[in-house]
Amino acid sequence: MSAVSLDQVVYLANQLSPAERQLLIQRLQPAPPDVYVTRHLLLAELEQLRADGAFEHVESLRNRYADPELALTDAELRASIDEFSNAWEQDIDGLAGDD
């Protein structure tokens, strides 16, 4: 088998019709894997992990990266989150009132 340079391949590819070029591109692409992920497969994997105990005795990350200077109770934190999540409604009301 003789060695063919990339330049030679490009030269020959330029002589192909658009349809033939597309076919060449498709043939050169790696075949997609025969793995199709479905919700059913993911749920089955999750159940298997649970059965194997993968989620038992895991270390909690709660407050692990917390700022020690920020002393909030859970109730204060939840109230802040609720306030932020509803702030857009107040912004919309403010925009509607600017007519």
PDB file of N, CA and C in Angstrom:
ATOM      1  N   MET A   1       0.842  -1.167   0.000  1.00  0.00           N
ATOM      2  CA  MET A   1       0.000   0.000   0.000  1.00  0.00           C
ATOM      3  C   MET A   1       0.888   1.230   0.000  1.00  0.00           C
ATOM      4  N   SER A   2       0.613   2.159  -0.888  1.00  0.00           N
ATOM      5  CA  SER A   2       1.443   3.362  -0.975  1.00  0.00           C
ATOM      6  C   SER A   2       0.952   4.409   0.005  1.00  0.00           C
ATOM      7  N   ALA A   3       1.883   5.221   0.459  1.00  0.00           N
ATOM      8  CA  ALA A   3       1.550   6.287   1.389  1.00  0.00           C
ATOM      9  C   ALA A   3       0.886   7.421   0.617  1.00  0.00           C
ATOM     10  N   VAL A   4      -0.185   7.940   1.158  1.00  0.00           N
ATOM     11  CA  VAL A   4      -0.911   9.045   0.539  1.00  0.00           C
ATOM     12  C   VAL A   4      -0.827  10.225   1.490  1.00  0.00           C
ATOM     13  N   SER A   5      -0.464  11.375   0.967  1.00  0.00           N
ATOM     14  CA  SER A   5      -0.348  12.554   1.819  1.00  0.00           C
ATOM     15  C   SER A   5      -1.719  13.206   2.001  1.00  0.00           C
ATOM     16  N   LEU A   6      -1.831  13.995   3.013  1.00  0.00           N
ATOM     17  CA  LEU A   6      -3.067  14.724   3.269  1.00  0.00           C
ATOM     18  C   LEU A   6      -3.374  15.670   2.118  1.00  0.00           C
ATOM     19  N   ASP A   7      -2.353  16.286   1.566  1.00  0.00           N
ATOM     20  CA  ASP A   7      -2.556  17.183   0.433  1.00  0.00           C
ATOM     21  C   ASP A   7      -3.185  16.449  -0.739  1.00  0.00           C
ATOM     22  N   GLN A   8      -2.760  15.204  -0.970  1.00  0.00           N
ATOM     23  CA  GLN A   8      -3.325  14.418  -2.062  1.00  0.00           C
ATOM     24  C   GLN A   8      -4.796  14.090  -1.791  1.00  0.00           C
ATOM     25  N   VAL A   9      -5.103  13.790  -0.534  1.00  0.00           N
ATOM     26  CA  VAL A   9      -6.487  13.480  -0.165  1.00  0.00           C
ATOM     27  C   VAL A   9      -7.359  14.715  -0.375  1.00  0.00           C
ATOM     28  N   VAL A  10      -6.872  15.883   0.043  1.00  0.00           N
ATOM     29  CA  VAL A  10      -7.629  17.120  -0.120  1.00  0.00           C
ATOM     30  C   VAL A  10      -7.824  17.423  -1.604  1.00  0.00           C
ATOM     31  N   TYR A  11      -6.781  17.239  -2.389  1.00  0.00           N
ATOM     32  CA  TYR A  11      -6.868  17.482  -3.833  1.00  0.00           C
ATOM     33  C   TYR A  11      -7.948  16.598  -4.464  1.00  0.00           C
ATOM     34  N   LEU A  12      -7.950  15.332  -4.116  1.00  0.00           N
ATOM     35  CA  LEU A  12      -8.941  14.409  -4.665  1.00  0.00           C
ATOM     36  C   LEU A  12     -10.341  14.709  -4.124  1.00  0.00           C
ATOM     37  N   ALA A  13     -10.427  15.085  -2.851  1.00  0.00           N
ATOM     38  CA  ALA A  13     -11.729  15.397  -2.259  1.00  0.00           C
ATOM     39  C   ALA A  13     -12.345  16.615  -2.931  1.00  0.00           C
ATOM     40  N   ASN A  14     -11.528  17.568  -3.344  1.00  0.00           N
ATOM     41  CA  ASN A  14     -12.040  18.755  -4.026  1.00  0.00           C
ATOM     42  C   ASN A  14     -12.640  18.412  -5.387  1.00  0.00           C
ATOM     43  N   GLN A  15     -12.318  17.274  -5.931  1.00  0.00           N
ATOM     44  CA  GLN A  15     -12.853  16.856  -7.221  1.00  0.00           C
ATOM     45  C   GLN A  15     -14.203  16.149  -7.082  1.00  0.00           C
ATOM     46  N   LEU A  16     -14.617  15.874  -5.852  1.00  0.00           N
ATOM     47  CA  LEU A  16     -15.884  15.182  -5.616  1.00  0.00           C
ATOM     48  C   LEU A  16     -17.048  16.160  -5.722  1.00  0.00           C
ATOM     49  N   SER A  17     -18.208  15.610  -6.031  1.00  0.00           N
ATOM     50  CA  SER A  17     -19.426  16.425  -6.020  1.00  0.00           C
ATOM     51  C   SER A  17     -19.804  16.702  -4.564  1.00  0.00           C
ATOM     52  N   PRO A  18     -20.652  17.710  -4.312  1.00  0.00           N
ATOM     53  CA  PRO A  18     -21.072  17.979  -2.927  1.00  0.00           C
ATOM     54  C   PRO A  18     -21.687  16.755  -2.242  1.00  0.00           C
ATOM     55  N   ALA A  19     -22.460  15.990  -2.978  1.00  0.00           N
ATOM     56  CA  ALA A  19     -23.072  14.797  -2.383  1.00  0.00           C
ATOM     57  C   ALA A  19     -22.011  13.763  -2.025  1.00  0.00           C
ATOM     58  N   GLU A  20     -21.019  13.599  -2.896  1.00  0.00           N
ATOM     59  CA  GLU A  20     -19.941  12.646  -2.619  1.00  0.00           C
ATOM     60  C   GLU A  20     -19.084  13.123  -1.440  1.00  0.00           C
ATOM     61  N   ARG A  21     -18.876  14.432  -1.357  1.00  0.00           N
ATOM     62  CA  ARG A  21     -18.116  14.979  -0.207  1.00  0.00           C
ATOM     63  C   ARG A  21     -18.845  14.681   1.098  1.00  0.00           C
ATOM     64  N   GLN A  22     -20.164  14.873   1.080  1.00  0.00           N
ATOM     65  CA  GLN A  22     -20.947  14.606   2.288  1.00  0.00           C
ATOM     66  C   GLN A  22     -20.854  13.132   2.665  1.00  0.00           C
ATOM     67  N   LEU A  23     -20.903  12.264   1.671  1.00  0.00           N
ATOM     68  CA  LEU A  23     -20.776  10.831   1.930  1.00  0.00           C
ATOM     69  C   LEU A  23     -19.394  10.505   2.489  1.00  0.00           C
ATOM     70  N   LEU A  24     -18.356  11.136   1.945  1.00  0.00           N
ATOM     71  CA  LEU A  24     -16.996  10.938   2.456  1.00  0.00           C
ATOM     72  C   LEU A  24     -16.894  11.379   3.913  1.00  0.00           C
ATOM     73  N   ILE A  25     -17.477  12.521   4.228  1.00  0.00           N
ATOM     74  CA  ILE A  25     -17.458  13.030   5.610  1.00  0.00           C
ATOM     75  C   ILE A  25     -18.154  12.044   6.541  1.00  0.00           C
ATOM     76  N   GLN A  26     -19.294  11.542   6.109  1.00  0.00           N
ATOM     77  CA  GLN A  26     -20.035  10.584   6.942  1.00  0.00           C
ATOM     78  C   GLN A  26     -19.236   9.305   7.164  1.00  0.00           C
ATOM     79  N   ARG A  27     -18.537   8.858   6.140  1.00  0.00           N
ATOM     80  CA  ARG A  27     -17.749   7.629   6.281  1.00  0.00           C
ATOM     81  C   ARG A  27     -16.544   7.826   7.189  1.00  0.00           C
ATOM     82  N   LEU A  28     -16.010   9.045   7.226  1.00  0.00           N
ATOM     83  CA  LEU A  28     -14.838   9.310   8.055  1.00  0.00           C
ATOM     84  C   LEU A  28     -15.196   9.573   9.513  1.00  0.00           C
ATOM     85  N   GLN A  29     -16.457   9.889   9.781  1.00  0.00           N
ATOM     86  CA  GLN A  29     -16.886  10.147  11.159  1.00  0.00           C
ATOM     87  C   GLN A  29     -16.898   8.842  11.937  1.00  0.00           C
ATOM     88  N   PRO A  30     -16.480   8.890  13.213  1.00  0.00           N
ATOM     89  CA  PRO A  30     -16.573   7.662  14.017  1.00  0.00           C
ATOM     90  C   PRO A  30     -18.038   7.300  14.242  1.00  0.00           C
ATOM     91  N   ALA A  31     -18.296   6.034  14.304  1.00  0.00           N
ATOM     92  CA  ALA A  31     -19.672   5.564  14.522  1.00  0.00           C
ATOM     93  C   ALA A  31     -20.120   5.951  15.924  1.00  0.00           C
ATOM     94  N   PRO A  32     -21.347   6.442  16.057  1.00  0.00           N
ATOM     95  CA  PRO A  32     -21.833   6.792  17.397  1.00  0.00           C
ATOM     96  C   PRO A  32     -21.993   5.530  18.239  1.00  0.00           C
ATOM     97  N   PRO A  33     -21.806   5.665  19.523  1.00  0.00           N
ATOM     98  CA  PRO A  33     -21.960   4.474  20.384  1.00  0.00           C
ATOM     99  C   PRO A  33     -23.411   4.002  20.368  1.00  0.00           C
ATOM    100  N   ASP A  34     -23.589   2.737  20.586  1.00  0.00           N
ATOM    101  CA  ASP A  34     -24.926   2.147  20.591  1.00  0.00           C
ATOM    102  C   ASP A  34     -25.577   2.242  21.972  1.00  0.00           C
ATOM    103  N   VAL A  35     -25.218   3.268  22.714  1.00  0.00           N
ATOM    104  CA  VAL A  35     -25.762   3.449  24.055  1.00  0.00           C
ATOM    105  C   VAL A  35     -26.745   4.608  24.025  1.00  0.00           C
ATOM    106  N   TYR A  36     -27.973   4.326  24.353  1.00  0.00           N
ATOM    107  CA  TYR A  36     -28.994   5.357  24.418  1.00  0.00           C
ATOM    108  C   TYR A  36     -29.477   5.428  25.858  1.00  0.00           C
ATOM    109  N   VAL A  37     -29.285   6.572  26.460  1.00  0.00           N
ATOM    110  CA  VAL A  37     -29.659   6.752  27.859  1.00  0.00           C
ATOM    111  C   VAL A  37     -31.124   7.146  27.908  1.00  0.00           C
ATOM    112  N   THR A  38     -31.851   6.412  28.711  1.00  0.00           N
ATOM    113  CA  THR A  38     -33.267   6.715  28.901  1.00  0.00           C
ATOM    114  C   THR A  38     -33.508   6.962  30.385  1.00  0.00           C
ATOM    115  N   ARG A  39     -34.638   7.537  30.667  1.00  0.00           N
ATOM    116  CA  ARG A  39     -35.015   7.783  32.059  1.00  0.00           C
ATOM    117  C   ARG A  39     -35.067   6.458  32.824  1.00  0.00           C
ATOM    118  N   HIS A  40     -35.593   5.446  32.178  1.00  0.00           N
ATOM    119  CA  HIS A  40     -35.700   4.122  32.811  1.00  0.00           C
ATOM    120  C   HIS A  40     -34.314   3.592  33.196  1.00  0.00           C
ATOM    121  N   LEU A  41     -33.339   3.714  32.299  1.00  0.00           N
ATOM    122  CA  LEU A  41     -31.983   3.241  32.597  1.00  0.00           C
ATOM    123  C   LEU A  41     -31.367   4.027  33.749  1.00  0.00           C
ATOM    124  N   LEU A  42     -31.559   5.341  33.746  1.00  0.00           N
ATOM    125  CA  LEU A  42     -31.002   6.163  34.823  1.00  0.00           C
ATOM    126  C   LEU A  42     -31.629   5.827  36.171  1.00  0.00           C
ATOM    127  N   LEU A  43     -32.943   5.631  36.185  1.00  0.00           N
ATOM    128  CA  LEU A  43     -33.611   5.264  37.439  1.00  0.00           C
ATOM    129  C   LEU A  43     -33.164   3.894  37.921  1.00  0.00           C
ATOM    130  N   ALA A  44     -32.963   2.972  37.001  1.00  0.00           N
ATOM    131  CA  ALA A  44     -32.489   1.640  37.382  1.00  0.00           C
ATOM    132  C   ALA A  44     -31.082   1.729  37.971  1.00  0.00           C
ATOM    133  N   GLU A  45     -30.238   2.564  37.368  1.00  0.00           N
ATOM    134  CA  GLU A  45     -28.883   2.739  37.902  1.00  0.00           C
ATOM    135  C   GLU A  45     -28.928   3.369  39.291  1.00  0.00           C
ATOM    136  N   LEU A  46     -29.805   4.349  39.475  1.00  0.00           N
ATOM    137  CA  LEU A  46     -29.949   4.988  40.785  1.00  0.00           C
ATOM    138  C   LEU A  46     -30.400   3.980  41.832  1.00  0.00           C
ATOM    139  N   GLU A  47     -31.377   3.169  41.495  1.00  0.00           N
ATOM    140  CA  GLU A  47     -31.857   2.159  42.434  1.00  0.00           C
ATOM    141  C   GLU A  47     -30.762   1.149  42.772  1.00  0.00           C
ATOM    142  N   GLN A  48     -29.952   0.785  41.785  1.00  0.00           N
ATOM    143  CA  GLN A  48     -28.851  -0.151  42.031  1.00  0.00           C
ATOM    144  C   GLN A  48     -27.826   0.477  42.973  1.00  0.00           C
ATOM    145  N   LEU A  49     -27.519   1.761  42.749  1.00  0.00           N
ATOM    146  CA  LEU A  49     -26.573   2.457  43.631  1.00  0.00           C
ATOM    147  C   LEU A  49     -27.114   2.523  45.053  1.00  0.00           C
ATOM    148  N   ARG A  50     -28.407   2.810  45.179  1.00  0.00           N
ATOM    149  CA  ARG A  50     -29.024   2.844  46.514  1.00  0.00           C
ATOM    150  C   ARG A  50     -28.949   1.467  47.169  1.00  0.00           C
ATOM    151  N   ALA A  51     -29.242   0.422  46.406  1.00  0.00           N
ATOM    152  CA  ALA A  51     -29.203  -0.940  46.944  1.00  0.00           C
ATOM    153  C   ALA A  51     -27.789  -1.324  47.358  1.00  0.00           C
ATOM    154  N   ASP A  52     -26.803  -0.832  46.637  1.00  0.00           N
ATOM    155  CA  ASP A  52     -25.408  -1.120  46.961  1.00  0.00           C
ATOM    156  C   ASP A  52     -24.887  -0.280  48.119  1.00  0.00           C
ATOM    157  N   GLY A  53     -25.710   0.667  48.595  1.00  0.00           N
ATOM    158  CA  GLY A  53     -25.306   1.499  49.728  1.00  0.00           C
ATOM    159  C   GLY A  53     -24.395   2.655  49.364  1.00  0.00           C
ATOM    160  N   ALA A  54     -24.428   3.080  48.125  1.00  0.00           N
ATOM    161  CA  ALA A  54     -23.535   4.149  47.677  1.00  0.00           C
ATOM    162  C   ALA A  54     -23.826   5.487  48.359  1.00  0.00           C
ATOM    163  N   PHE A  55     -25.037   5.657  48.876  1.00  0.00           N
ATOM    164  CA  PHE A  55     -25.405   6.933  49.480  1.00  0.00           C
ATOM    165  C   PHE A  55     -25.467   6.868  51.009  1.00  0.00           C
ATOM    166  N   GLU A  56     -25.002   5.763  51.556  1.00  0.00           N
ATOM    167  CA  GLU A  56     -24.985   5.629  53.013  1.00  0.00           C
ATOM    168  C   GLU A  56     -23.648   6.106  53.557  1.00  0.00           C
ATOM    169  N   HIS A  57     -23.691   6.723  54.692  1.00  0.00           N
ATOM    170  CA  HIS A  57     -22.500   7.180  55.404  1.00  0.00           C
ATOM    171  C   HIS A  57     -21.660   8.157  54.572  1.00  0.00           C
ATOM    172  N   VAL A  58     -22.331   9.032  53.849  1.00  0.00           N
ATOM    173  CA  VAL A  58     -21.600  10.061  53.103  1.00  0.00           C
ATOM    174  C   VAL A  58     -21.425  11.280  53.999  1.00  0.00           C
ATOM    175  N   GLU A  59     -20.340  11.970  53.814  1.00  0.00           N
ATOM    176  CA  GLU A  59     -20.055  13.144  54.632  1.00  0.00           C
ATOM    177  C   GLU A  59     -20.878  14.321  54.134  1.00  0.00           C
ATOM    178  N   SER A  60     -21.576  14.967  55.040  1.00  0.00           N
ATOM    179  CA  SER A  60     -22.407  16.113  54.687  1.00  0.00           C
ATOM    180  C   SER A  60     -21.529  17.321  54.372  1.00  0.00           C
ATOM    181  N   LEU A  61     -21.930  18.084  53.382  1.00  0.00           N
ATOM    182  CA  LEU A  61     -21.229  19.314  53.026  1.00  0.00           C
ATOM    183  C   LEU A  61     -21.896  20.537  53.657  1.00  0.00           C
ATOM    184  N   ARG A  62     -22.921  20.302  54.460  1.00  0.00           N
ATOM    185  CA  ARG A  62     -23.645  21.399  55.086  1.00  0.00           C
ATOM    186  C   ARG A  62     -22.695  22.239  55.943  1.00  0.00           C
ATOM    187  N   ASN A  63     -22.672  23.519  55.671  1.00  0.00           N
ATOM    188  CA  ASN A  63     -21.849  24.517  56.377  1.00  0.00           C
ATOM    189  C   ASN A  63     -20.346  24.291  56.210  1.00  0.00           C
ATOM    190  N   ARG A  64     -19.961  23.394  55.356  1.00  0.00           N
ATOM    191  CA  ARG A  64     -18.542  23.128  55.169  1.00  0.00           C
ATOM    192  C   ARG A  64     -17.817  24.314  54.561  1.00  0.00           C
ATOM    193  N   TYR A  65     -18.487  25.003  53.660  1.00  0.00           N
ATOM    194  CA  TYR A  65     -17.873  26.144  52.996  1.00  0.00           C
ATOM    195  C   TYR A  65     -18.501  27.460  53.448  1.00  0.00           C
ATOM    196  N   ALA A  66     -19.125  27.423  54.589  1.00  0.00           N
ATOM    197  CA  ALA A  66     -19.801  28.610  55.099  1.00  0.00           C
ATOM    198  C   ALA A  66     -18.792  29.651  55.557  1.00  0.00           C
ATOM    199  N   ASP A  67     -19.195  30.907  55.427  1.00  0.00           N
ATOM    200  CA  ASP A  67     -18.382  32.025  55.906  1.00  0.00           C
ATOM    201  C   ASP A  67     -18.632  32.158  57.403  1.00  0.00           C
ATOM    202  N   PRO A  68     -17.609  31.978  58.235  1.00  0.00           N
ATOM    203  CA  PRO A  68     -17.835  32.026  59.683  1.00  0.00           C
ATOM    204  C   PRO A  68     -18.345  33.376  60.174  1.00  0.00           C
ATOM    205  N   GLU A  69     -18.060  34.436  59.425  1.00  0.00           N
ATOM    206  CA  GLU A  69     -18.531  35.763  59.831  1.00  0.00           C
ATOM    207  C   GLU A  69     -20.005  35.960  59.532  1.00  0.00           C
ATOM    208  N   LEU A  70     -20.560  35.131  58.694  1.00  0.00           N
ATOM    209  CA  LEU A  70     -21.965  35.218  58.336  1.00  0.00           C
ATOM    210  C   LEU A  70     -22.742  34.250  59.224  1.00  0.00           C
ATOM    211  N   ALA A  71     -23.346  34.768  60.261  1.00  0.00           N
ATOM    212  CA  ALA A  71     -24.053  33.930  61.221  1.00  0.00           C
ATOM    213  C   ALA A  71     -25.552  34.023  60.956  1.00  0.00           C
ATOM    214  N   LEU A  72     -26.067  33.096  60.149  1.00  0.00           N
ATOM    215  CA  LEU A  72     -27.494  33.046  59.844  1.00  0.00           C
ATOM    216  C   LEU A  72     -28.073  31.734  60.344  1.00  0.00           C
ATOM    217  N   THR A  73     -29.259  31.812  60.869  1.00  0.00           N
ATOM    218  CA  THR A  73     -29.962  30.581  61.210  1.00  0.00           C
ATOM    219  C   THR A  73     -30.596  30.036  59.930  1.00  0.00           C
ATOM    220  N   ASP A  74     -31.051  28.810  59.979  1.00  0.00           N
ATOM    221  CA  ASP A  74     -31.722  28.227  58.812  1.00  0.00           C
ATOM    222  C   ASP A  74     -32.960  29.041  58.445  1.00  0.00           C
ATOM    223  N   ALA A  75     -33.688  29.495  59.452  1.00  0.00           N
ATOM    224  CA  ALA A  75     -34.905  30.276  59.192  1.00  0.00           C
ATOM    225  C   ALA A  75     -34.557  31.595  58.500  1.00  0.00           C
ATOM    226  N   GLU A  76     -33.496  32.257  58.939  1.00  0.00           N
ATOM    227  CA  GLU A  76     -33.084  33.522  58.318  1.00  0.00           C
ATOM    228  C   GLU A  76     -32.623  33.290  56.874  1.00  0.00           C
ATOM    229  N   LEU A  77     -31.899  32.207  56.667  1.00  0.00           N
ATOM    230  CA  LEU A  77     -31.435  31.894  55.324  1.00  0.00           C
ATOM    231  C   LEU A  77     -32.612  31.607  54.397  1.00  0.00           C
ATOM    232  N   ARG A  78     -33.563  30.813  54.873  1.00  0.00           N
ATOM    233  CA  ARG A  78     -34.743  30.506  54.044  1.00  0.00           C
ATOM    234  C   ARG A  78     -35.557  31.761  53.756  1.00  0.00           C
ATOM    235  N   ALA A  79     -35.675  32.660  54.741  1.00  0.00           N
ATOM    236  CA  ALA A  79     -36.408  33.914  54.531  1.00  0.00           C
ATOM    237  C   ALA A  79     -35.708  34.771  53.479  1.00  0.00           C
ATOM    238  N   SER A  80     -34.387  34.807  53.509  1.00  0.00           N
ATOM    239  CA  SER A  80     -33.632  35.562  52.504  1.00  0.00           C
ATOM    240  C   SER A  80     -33.827  34.967  51.116  1.00  0.00           C
ATOM    241  N   ILE A  81     -33.777  33.657  51.017  1.00  0.00           N
ATOM    242  CA  ILE A  81     -33.968  32.990  49.726  1.00  0.00           C
ATOM    243  C   ILE A  81     -35.378  33.271  49.200  1.00  0.00           C
ATOM    244  N   ASP A  82     -36.381  33.190  50.072  1.00  0.00           N
ATOM    245  CA  ASP A  82     -37.754  33.488  49.657  1.00  0.00           C
ATOM    246  C   ASP A  82     -37.869  34.931  49.179  1.00  0.00           C
ATOM    247  N   GLU A  83     -37.223  35.836  49.883  1.00  0.00           N
ATOM    248  CA  GLU A  83     -37.270  37.259  49.500  1.00  0.00           C
ATOM    249  C   GLU A  83     -36.635  37.460  48.128  1.00  0.00           C
ATOM    250  N   PHE A  84     -35.475  36.855  47.907  1.00  0.00           N
ATOM    251  CA  PHE A  84     -34.802  36.987  46.614  1.00  0.00           C
ATOM    252  C   PHE A  84     -35.616  36.348  45.494  1.00  0.00           C
ATOM    253  N   SER A  85     -36.226  35.206  45.787  1.00  0.00           N
ATOM    254  CA  SER A  85     -36.969  34.505  44.736  1.00  0.00           C
ATOM    255  C   SER A  85     -38.260  35.224  44.372  1.00  0.00           C
ATOM    256  N   ASN A  86     -38.743  36.082  45.246  1.00  0.00           N
ATOM    257  CA  ASN A  86     -39.960  36.845  44.952  1.00  0.00           C
ATOM    258  C   ASN A  86     -39.670  38.276  44.533  1.00  0.00           C
ATOM    259  N   ALA A  87     -38.416  38.676  44.550  1.00  0.00           N
ATOM    260  CA  ALA A  87     -38.060  40.062  44.229  1.00  0.00           C
ATOM    261  C   ALA A  87     -38.431  40.428  42.805  1.00  0.00           C
ATOM    262  N   TRP A  88     -38.378  39.478  41.886  1.00  0.00           N
ATOM    263  CA  TRP A  88     -38.708  39.778  40.487  1.00  0.00           C
ATOM    264  C   TRP A  88     -40.154  40.231  40.350  1.00  0.00           C
ATOM    265  N   GLU A  89     -41.027  39.687  41.192  1.00  0.00           N
ATOM    266  CA  GLU A  89     -42.431  40.108  41.127  1.00  0.00           C
ATOM    267  C   GLU A  89     -42.567  41.568  41.507  1.00  0.00           C
ATOM    268  N   GLN A  90     -41.823  41.989  42.518  1.00  0.00           N
ATOM    269  CA  GLN A  90     -41.854  43.391  42.917  1.00  0.00           C
ATOM    270  C   GLN A  90     -41.246  44.282  41.834  1.00  0.00           C
ATOM    271  N   ASP A  91     -40.196  43.793  41.166  1.00  0.00           N
ATOM    272  CA  ASP A  91     -39.588  44.550  40.072  1.00  0.00           C
ATOM    273  C   ASP A  91     -40.576  44.716  38.926  1.00  0.00           C
ATOM    274  N   ILE A  92     -41.326  43.651  38.601  1.00  0.00           N
ATOM    275  CA  ILE A  92     -42.334  43.731  37.536  1.00  0.00           C
ATOM    276  C   ILE A  92     -43.427  44.712  37.927  1.00  0.00           C
ATOM    277  N   ASP A  93     -43.882  44.629  39.185  1.00  0.00           N
ATOM    278  CA  ASP A  93     -44.911  45.560  39.656  1.00  0.00           C
ATOM    279  C   ASP A  93     -44.405  47.001  39.567  1.00  0.00           C
ATOM    280  N   GLY A  94     -43.142  47.202  39.886  1.00  0.00           N
ATOM    281  CA  GLY A  94     -42.569  48.544  39.805  1.00  0.00           C
ATOM    282  C   GLY A  94     -42.501  49.037  38.369  1.00  0.00           C
ATOM    283  N   LEU A  95     -42.172  48.145  37.455  1.00  0.00           N
ATOM    284  CA  LEU A  95     -42.120  48.531  36.034  1.00  0.00           C
ATOM    285  C   LEU A  95     -43.514  48.833  35.504  1.00  0.00           C
ATOM    286  N   ALA A  96     -44.485  48.048  35.930  1.00  0.00           N
ATOM    287  CA  ALA A  96     -45.855  48.259  35.466  1.00  0.00           C
ATOM    288  C   ALA A  96     -46.418  49.568  36.013  1.00  0.00           C
ATOM    289  N   GLY A  97     -45.961  49.988  37.177  1.00  0.00           N
ATOM    290  CA  GLY A  97     -46.439  51.219  37.777  1.00  0.00           C
ATOM    291  C   GLY A  97     -45.760  52.465  37.236  1.00  0.00           C
ATOM    292  N   ASP A  98     -44.730  52.280  36.394  1.00  0.00           N
ATOM    293  CA  ASP A  98     -43.979  53.428  35.862  1.00  0.00           C
ATOM    294  C   ASP A  98     -44.663  54.057  34.660  1.00  0.00           C
ATOM    295  N   ASP A  99     -45.825  53.559  34.251  1.00  0.00           N
ATOM    296  CA  ASP A  99     -46.506  54.090  33.055  1.00  0.00           C
ATOM    297  C   ASP A  99     -46.766  55.510  33.201  1.00  0.00           C
TER     298      ASP A  99
END
